[in-house]
Amino acid sequence: MQKTLRLVASALFLILPTAALALTISVTGSWDGSDPTMSPRVGAFGTQSTCAAPKAFPGTFGSDTYPYDLYTFYNSGPAECVTVTQQANDPGVNLFVIAYDGSFDPDNLATGYLADGGLRGVVVTYSFTAPADSLFQLVAISSLAVSGSYEFLVTGESISRVAEPATLTLAGLGLLLLAAGRRRRR
């Protein structure tokens, strides 16, 4: 059993750090009606965040329910400037990507707010300072409460995307089954 655990730990070590080598991480996703929603949403009031000139939480807007997806990243180095470029793939999606320190709370949109692009539905680039050795989350919302696909890019020197828990669970389960199969053959 101890050998199996070492095998699983070694395999996860090989899987997880590979994203840390990337300087730019491409994120694609879509909203399909099964996503969580928020109401209201963070307001898109035209001012882009930058590392040199961070902006305060812009306030909220709207009363519809807006679908969102959540992506977690890890900054393994010192505090660094991270750049986000949002691009909507489907016409009319109005993608809006917001950065949060730590974890996102849809019931308190100001808590942990780091940055946003100030504009929705257009290609826009903004930046923020990711704290040293910490997690940050990017929230992709459709500001028009519609379904559709999107893409955004995240660029930084020491960042990596944190695998979703389901992905880690499946990888761990597969390795355990592989180890169990090897054990039976002996």
Protein backbone atom coordinates (compact mmCIF):
# COMPACT_ATOMS: atom_id res chain seq x y z
CA MET A 1 0.00 0.00 0.00
CA GLN A 2 2.84 2.41 0.83
CA LYS A 3 4.40 1.73 -2.58
CA THR A 4 1.03 2.48 -4.23
CA LEU A 5 0.77 5.80 -2.38
CA ARG A 6 4.28 6.74 -3.47
CA LEU A 7 3.37 5.89 -7.07
CA VAL A 8 0.24 8.08 -6.89
CA ALA A 9 2.16 10.95 -5.28
CA SER A 10 4.91 10.70 -7.93
CA ALA A 11 2.38 10.69 -10.75
CA LEU A 12 0.54 13.74 -9.37
CA PHE A 13 3.87 15.53 -9.02
CA LEU A 14 4.52 14.88 -12.70
CA ILE A 15 1.01 16.01 -13.74
CA LEU A 16 0.63 19.23 -11.75
CA PRO A 17 3.84 21.22 -12.36
CA THR A 18 3.68 21.05 -16.16
CA ALA A 19 1.41 24.12 -16.36
CA ALA A 20 3.96 26.14 -14.35
CA LEU A 21 6.32 26.07 -17.35
CA ALA A 22 3.87 28.03 -19.48
CA LEU A 23 4.16 31.80 -19.62
CA THR A 24 0.71 32.19 -21.19
CA ILE A 25 -2.20 29.94 -20.26
CA SER A 26 -5.18 29.79 -22.60
CA VAL A 27 -8.54 29.19 -20.94
CA THR A 28 -11.60 28.21 -22.96
CA GLY A 29 -15.05 27.61 -21.62
CA SER A 30 -18.75 28.04 -22.19
CA TRP A 31 -21.97 28.66 -20.37
CA ASP A 32 -24.79 26.22 -21.09
CA GLY A 33 -27.51 26.79 -18.52
CA SER A 34 -26.05 24.42 -15.93
CA ASP A 35 -23.52 26.95 -14.60
CA PRO A 36 -23.81 28.75 -11.27
CA THR A 37 -25.19 32.28 -11.44
CA MET A 38 -24.73 35.57 -9.65
CA SER A 39 -26.98 38.57 -9.24
CA PRO A 40 -26.00 41.37 -9.46
CA ARG A 41 -22.65 41.28 -11.26
CA VAL A 42 -19.50 43.40 -11.03
CA GLY A 43 -20.03 46.59 -13.02
CA ALA A 44 -18.07 47.16 -16.22
CA PHE A 45 -17.49 50.90 -16.03
CA GLY A 46 -14.70 51.43 -18.58
CA THR A 47 -11.57 51.69 -16.43
CA GLN A 48 -9.01 48.92 -16.83
CA SER A 49 -6.92 47.72 -13.90
CA THR A 50 -3.15 47.77 -14.23
CA CYS A 51 -0.38 46.66 -11.93
CA ALA A 52 0.88 50.25 -11.86
CA ALA A 53 -2.59 51.70 -11.18
CA PRO A 54 -4.87 49.20 -9.43
CA LYS A 55 -8.47 50.31 -9.16
CA ALA A 56 -10.94 49.97 -6.34
CA PHE A 57 -13.94 47.66 -6.55
CA PRO A 58 -16.16 49.31 -9.19
CA GLY A 59 -19.50 48.41 -7.65
CA THR A 60 -22.27 46.17 -8.93
CA PHE A 61 -24.72 46.34 -11.79
CA GLY A 62 -27.89 44.59 -12.96
CA SER A 63 -30.60 42.46 -11.48
CA ASP A 64 -30.64 39.52 -13.91
CA THR A 65 -28.94 36.24 -13.07
CA TYR A 66 -25.58 36.02 -14.81
CA PRO A 67 -23.85 32.68 -15.48
CA TYR A 68 -20.23 32.39 -14.43
CA ASP A 69 -17.31 29.95 -14.50
CA LEU A 70 -14.52 29.94 -11.94
CA TYR A 71 -10.83 29.23 -12.63
CA THR A 72 -8.17 28.90 -9.93
CA PHE A 73 -4.49 29.77 -10.43
CA TYR A 74 -1.44 29.57 -8.21
CA ASN A 75 1.40 32.07 -8.09
CA SER A 76 4.38 30.03 -6.87
CA GLY A 77 6.81 32.93 -6.82
CA PRO A 78 7.00 36.41 -5.37
CA ALA A 79 4.23 38.94 -5.98
CA GLU A 80 4.07 39.48 -9.73
CA CYS A 81 2.18 41.32 -12.41
CA VAL A 82 -0.30 39.02 -14.17
CA THR A 83 -1.98 40.00 -17.44
CA VAL A 84 -5.43 38.84 -18.57
CA THR A 85 -6.70 39.20 -22.13
CA GLN A 86 -10.41 38.46 -22.52
CA GLN A 87 -11.83 37.42 -25.88
CA ALA A 88 -15.43 36.40 -26.52
CA ASN A 89 -15.78 33.63 -29.12
CA ASP A 90 -19.54 33.72 -29.73
CA PRO A 91 -21.12 36.98 -30.94
CA GLY A 92 -23.12 38.67 -28.21
CA VAL A 93 -21.53 36.75 -25.32
CA ASN A 94 -20.15 39.91 -23.65
CA LEU A 95 -17.40 38.13 -21.73
CA PHE A 96 -16.19 39.87 -18.58
CA VAL A 97 -13.29 38.37 -16.55
CA ILE A 98 -12.73 39.48 -12.95
CA ALA A 99 -9.73 38.65 -10.72
CA TYR A 100 -10.05 37.74 -7.03
CA ASP A 101 -7.45 37.16 -4.33
CA GLY A 102 -8.00 33.78 -2.66
CA SER A 103 -11.52 32.58 -3.29
CA PHE A 104 -14.53 34.14 -4.98
CA ASP A 105 -17.77 34.69 -3.04
CA PRO A 106 -20.74 35.32 -5.39
CA ASP A 107 -22.72 36.72 -2.46
CA ASN A 108 -20.08 39.36 -1.65
CA LEU A 109 -18.53 40.55 -4.91
CA ALA A 110 -16.26 43.13 -3.24
CA THR A 111 -14.47 40.60 -0.99
CA GLY A 112 -11.05 39.75 -2.41
CA TYR A 113 -11.57 41.84 -5.57
CA LEU A 114 -8.27 42.42 -7.40
CA ALA A 115 -9.02 43.68 -10.91
CA ASP A 116 -11.09 43.68 -14.08
CA GLY A 117 -10.85 44.93 -17.65
CA GLY A 118 -13.48 47.63 -17.29
CA LEU A 119 -15.15 46.64 -20.56
CA ARG A 120 -17.28 43.68 -21.56
CA GLY A 121 -17.80 41.99 -24.89
CA VAL A 122 -14.63 43.27 -26.51
CA VAL A 123 -11.03 42.15 -26.59
CA VAL A 124 -9.44 43.88 -23.63
CA THR A 125 -6.21 43.41 -21.68
CA TYR A 126 -5.72 44.33 -18.04
CA SER A 127 -3.25 43.45 -15.30
CA PHE A 128 -3.07 43.01 -11.54
CA THR A 129 -0.53 42.02 -8.93
CA ALA A 130 -0.92 38.41 -7.82
CA PRO A 131 0.22 38.06 -4.19
CA ALA A 132 3.31 35.94 -3.49
CA ASP A 133 2.87 32.20 -3.03
CA SER A 134 -0.91 32.29 -3.16
CA LEU A 135 -4.05 31.33 -5.03
CA PHE A 136 -6.11 33.71 -7.11
CA GLN A 137 -9.31 33.09 -9.03
CA LEU A 138 -10.59 34.40 -12.33
CA VAL A 139 -14.34 34.58 -12.77
CA ALA A 140 -15.64 34.55 -16.35
CA ILE A 141 -19.15 35.95 -16.56
CA SER A 142 -21.54 36.61 -19.37
CA SER A 143 -22.72 40.13 -18.66
CA LEU A 144 -25.84 39.63 -20.76
CA ALA A 145 -27.11 36.47 -19.03
CA VAL A 146 -26.66 34.44 -22.23
CA SER A 147 -25.08 31.13 -23.17
CA GLY A 148 -22.03 30.84 -25.38
CA SER A 149 -18.32 30.08 -25.58
CA TYR A 150 -15.33 32.22 -24.68
CA GLU A 151 -11.57 32.33 -24.36
CA PHE A 152 -9.14 34.33 -22.27
CA LEU A 153 -5.38 34.32 -21.80
CA VAL A 154 -3.47 34.57 -18.52
CA THR A 155 0.20 35.56 -18.61
CA GLY A 156 2.72 35.53 -15.77
CA GLU A 157 6.11 34.10 -14.92
CA SER A 158 5.29 31.96 -11.87
CA ILE A 159 1.64 31.07 -12.39
CA SER A 160 -0.03 27.77 -13.06
CA ARG A 161 -3.62 26.72 -13.39
CA VAL A 162 -4.85 24.58 -10.52
CA ALA A 163 -6.47 21.40 -11.77
CA GLU A 164 -10.15 20.99 -11.00
CA PRO A 165 -10.82 18.60 -8.09
CA ALA A 166 -12.64 16.18 -10.41
CA THR A 167 -9.58 15.96 -12.67
CA LEU A 168 -7.30 15.20 -9.73
CA THR A 169 -9.74 12.61 -8.40
CA LEU A 170 -9.92 10.83 -11.76
CA ALA A 171 -6.13 10.88 -12.14
CA GLY A 172 -5.66 9.49 -8.62
CA LEU A 173 -8.32 6.80 -9.14
CA GLY A 174 -6.74 5.74 -12.41
CA LEU A 175 -3.32 5.42 -10.79
CA LEU A 176 -4.75 3.42 -7.90
CA LEU A 177 -6.46 1.03 -10.34
CA LEU A 178 -3.24 0.70 -12.30
CA ALA A 179 -1.32 -0.10 -9.12
CA ALA A 180 -3.98 -2.61 -8.02
CA GLY A 181 -3.76 -4.33 -11.42
CA ARG A 182 0.01 -4.59 -11.15
CA ARG A 183 -0.29 -6.02 -7.67
CA ARG A 184 -2.68 -8.78 -8.80
CA ARG A 185 -0.31 -9.87 -11.56
CA ARG A 186 2.47 -10.60 -9.08
